[in-house]
C-alpha atoms as a PDB file:
ATOM      1  CA  MET A   1     -99.671  37.899 -10.354  1.00  0.00           C
ATOM      2  CA  THR A   2     -98.216  37.677 -13.857  1.00  0.00           C
ATOM      3  CA  SER A   3     -95.088  35.642 -14.422  1.00  0.00           C
ATOM      4  CA  LYS A   4     -92.367  37.199 -16.510  1.00  0.00           C
ATOM      5  CA  ARG A   5     -91.793  35.611 -19.931  1.00  0.00           C
ATOM      6  CA  ASN A   6     -88.342  34.948 -21.211  1.00  0.00           C
ATOM      7  CA  TYR A   7     -87.844  35.906 -24.829  1.00  0.00           C
ATOM      8  CA  ASN A   8     -84.097  35.894 -25.240  1.00  0.00           C
ATOM      9  CA  ARG A   9     -81.140  33.719 -24.264  1.00  0.00           C
ATOM     10  CA  ILE A  10     -78.521  36.478 -24.073  1.00  0.00           C
ATOM     11  CA  ARG A  11     -77.603  35.593 -20.489  1.00  0.00           C
ATOM     12  CA  VAL A  12     -77.212  31.900 -21.373  1.00  0.00           C
ATOM     13  CA  VAL A  13     -75.025  32.572 -24.415  1.00  0.00           C
ATOM     14  CA  LEU A  14     -72.847  34.990 -22.433  1.00  0.00           C
ATOM     15  CA  ALA A  15     -72.386  32.334 -19.741  1.00  0.00           C
ATOM     16  CA  GLU A  16     -71.566  29.667 -22.334  1.00  0.00           C
ATOM     17  CA  GLN A  17     -68.853  31.956 -23.698  1.00  0.00           C
ATOM     18  CA  ASP A  18     -67.634  32.994 -20.244  1.00  0.00           C
ATOM     19  CA  ARG A  19     -68.495  36.642 -20.978  1.00  0.00           C
ATOM     20  CA  THR A  20     -70.068  39.255 -18.719  1.00  0.00           C
ATOM     21  CA  ASN A  21     -72.831  41.828 -19.063  1.00  0.00           C
ATOM     22  CA  LYS A  22     -70.165  44.497 -18.610  1.00  0.00           C
ATOM     23  CA  TRP A  23     -68.146  43.104 -21.526  1.00  0.00           C
ATOM     24  CA  LEU A  24     -71.230  43.049 -23.780  1.00  0.00           C
ATOM     25  CA  ALA A  25     -72.231  46.568 -22.720  1.00  0.00           C
ATOM     26  CA  GLU A  26     -68.831  47.856 -23.802  1.00  0.00           C
ATOM     27  CA  LYS A  27     -69.033  46.017 -27.143  1.00  0.00           C
ATOM     28  CA  VAL A  28     -72.515  47.324 -28.030  1.00  0.00           C
ATOM     29  CA  ARG A  29     -71.840  50.746 -26.473  1.00  0.00           C
ATOM     30  CA  LYS A  30     -74.845  50.549 -24.163  1.00  0.00           C
ATOM     31  CA  ASN A  31     -75.306  51.200 -20.472  1.00  0.00           C
ATOM     32  CA  ARG A  32     -74.596  48.163 -18.268  1.00  0.00           C
ATOM     33  CA  THR A  33     -78.050  48.527 -16.716  1.00  0.00           C
ATOM     34  CA  THR A  34     -79.647  48.228 -20.155  1.00  0.00           C
ATOM     35  CA  VAL A  35     -77.698  45.041 -20.925  1.00  0.00           C
ATOM     36  CA  SER A  36     -78.586  43.674 -17.494  1.00  0.00           C
ATOM     37  CA  ARG A  37     -82.278  44.275 -18.222  1.00  0.00           C
ATOM     38  CA  TRP A  38     -81.922  42.384 -21.514  1.00  0.00           C
ATOM     39  CA  CYS A  39     -80.276  39.488 -19.690  1.00  0.00           C
ATOM     40  CA  THR A  40     -83.072  39.304 -17.132  1.00  0.00           C
ATOM     41  CA  ASN A  41     -85.735  39.735 -19.830  1.00  0.00           C
ATOM     42  CA  ASP A  42     -87.067  42.889 -18.169  1.00  0.00           C
ATOM     43  CA  MET A  43     -86.748  44.501 -21.596  1.00  0.00           C
ATOM     44  CA  GLN A  44     -85.666  43.405 -25.056  1.00  0.00           C
ATOM     45  CA  PRO A  45     -83.062  44.803 -27.440  1.00  0.00           C
ATOM     46  CA  SER A  46     -84.155  46.032 -30.855  1.00  0.00           C
ATOM     47  CA  VAL A  47     -83.814  43.625 -33.759  1.00  0.00           C
ATOM     48  CA  GLU A  48     -80.871  45.692 -35.010  1.00  0.00           C
ATOM     49  CA  THR A  49     -79.129  45.454 -31.632  1.00  0.00           C
ATOM     50  CA  LEU A  50     -79.890  41.741 -31.386  1.00  0.00           C
ATOM     51  CA  ALA A  51     -78.211  41.263 -34.776  1.00  0.00           C
ATOM     52  CA  GLU A  52     -75.201  43.238 -33.531  1.00  0.00           C
ATOM     53  CA  ILE A  53     -75.031  41.088 -30.374  1.00  0.00           C
ATOM     54  CA  ALA A  54     -75.163  37.920 -32.494  1.00  0.00           C
ATOM     55  CA  GLU A  55     -72.283  39.194 -34.608  1.00  0.00           C
ATOM     56  CA  ILE A  56     -70.218  40.141 -31.544  1.00  0.00           C
ATOM     57  CA  LEU A  57     -70.830  36.735 -29.952  1.00  0.00           C
ATOM     58  CA  ASN A  58     -70.288  34.965 -33.286  1.00  0.00           C
ATOM     59  CA  VAL A  59     -73.591  33.082 -33.092  1.00  0.00           C
ATOM     60  CA  ASP A  60     -76.628  32.812 -35.325  1.00  0.00           C
ATOM     61  CA  ILE A  61     -79.221  35.369 -34.189  1.00  0.00           C
ATOM     62  CA  ARG A  62     -81.648  32.475 -33.599  1.00  0.00           C
ATOM     63  CA  GLU A  63     -79.389  31.213 -30.804  1.00  0.00           C
ATOM     64  CA  LEU A  64     -80.219  34.382 -28.875  1.00  0.00           C
ATOM     65  CA  LEU A  65     -83.958  33.754 -28.996  1.00  0.00           C
ATOM     66  CA  LEU A  66     -86.128  31.172 -27.326  1.00  0.00           C
ATOM     67  CA  PRO A  67     -87.886  28.919 -29.834  1.00  0.00           C
ATOM     68  CA  THR A  68     -91.559  29.670 -30.366  1.00  0.00           C
ATOM     69  CA  LYS A  69     -92.435  26.213 -31.706  1.00  0.00           C
ATOM     70  CA  ASP A  70     -91.458  22.709 -30.752  1.00  0.00           C
ATOM     71  CA  VAL A  71     -89.452  21.527 -33.771  1.00  0.00           C
ATOM     72  CA  ASN A  72     -90.113  17.883 -32.874  1.00  0.00           C
ATOM     73  CA  ASN A  73     -93.833  18.178 -33.634  1.00  0.00           C
END
């Protein structure tokens, strides 16, 4: 059994800003199911869409991604 990898933090950032998947879906003009799948890491948005999400949420795009390296090492 393969465990699912998390690549993005969209769900976390939405929660930090007290926003919903539905709200984000309306802002990016995407189906709520699509946004839900991004938030559960079942699929990933394109880089262009990720940049749009970062702009909408007023965060650096890097805040929407999980780090790939430990910056303390």
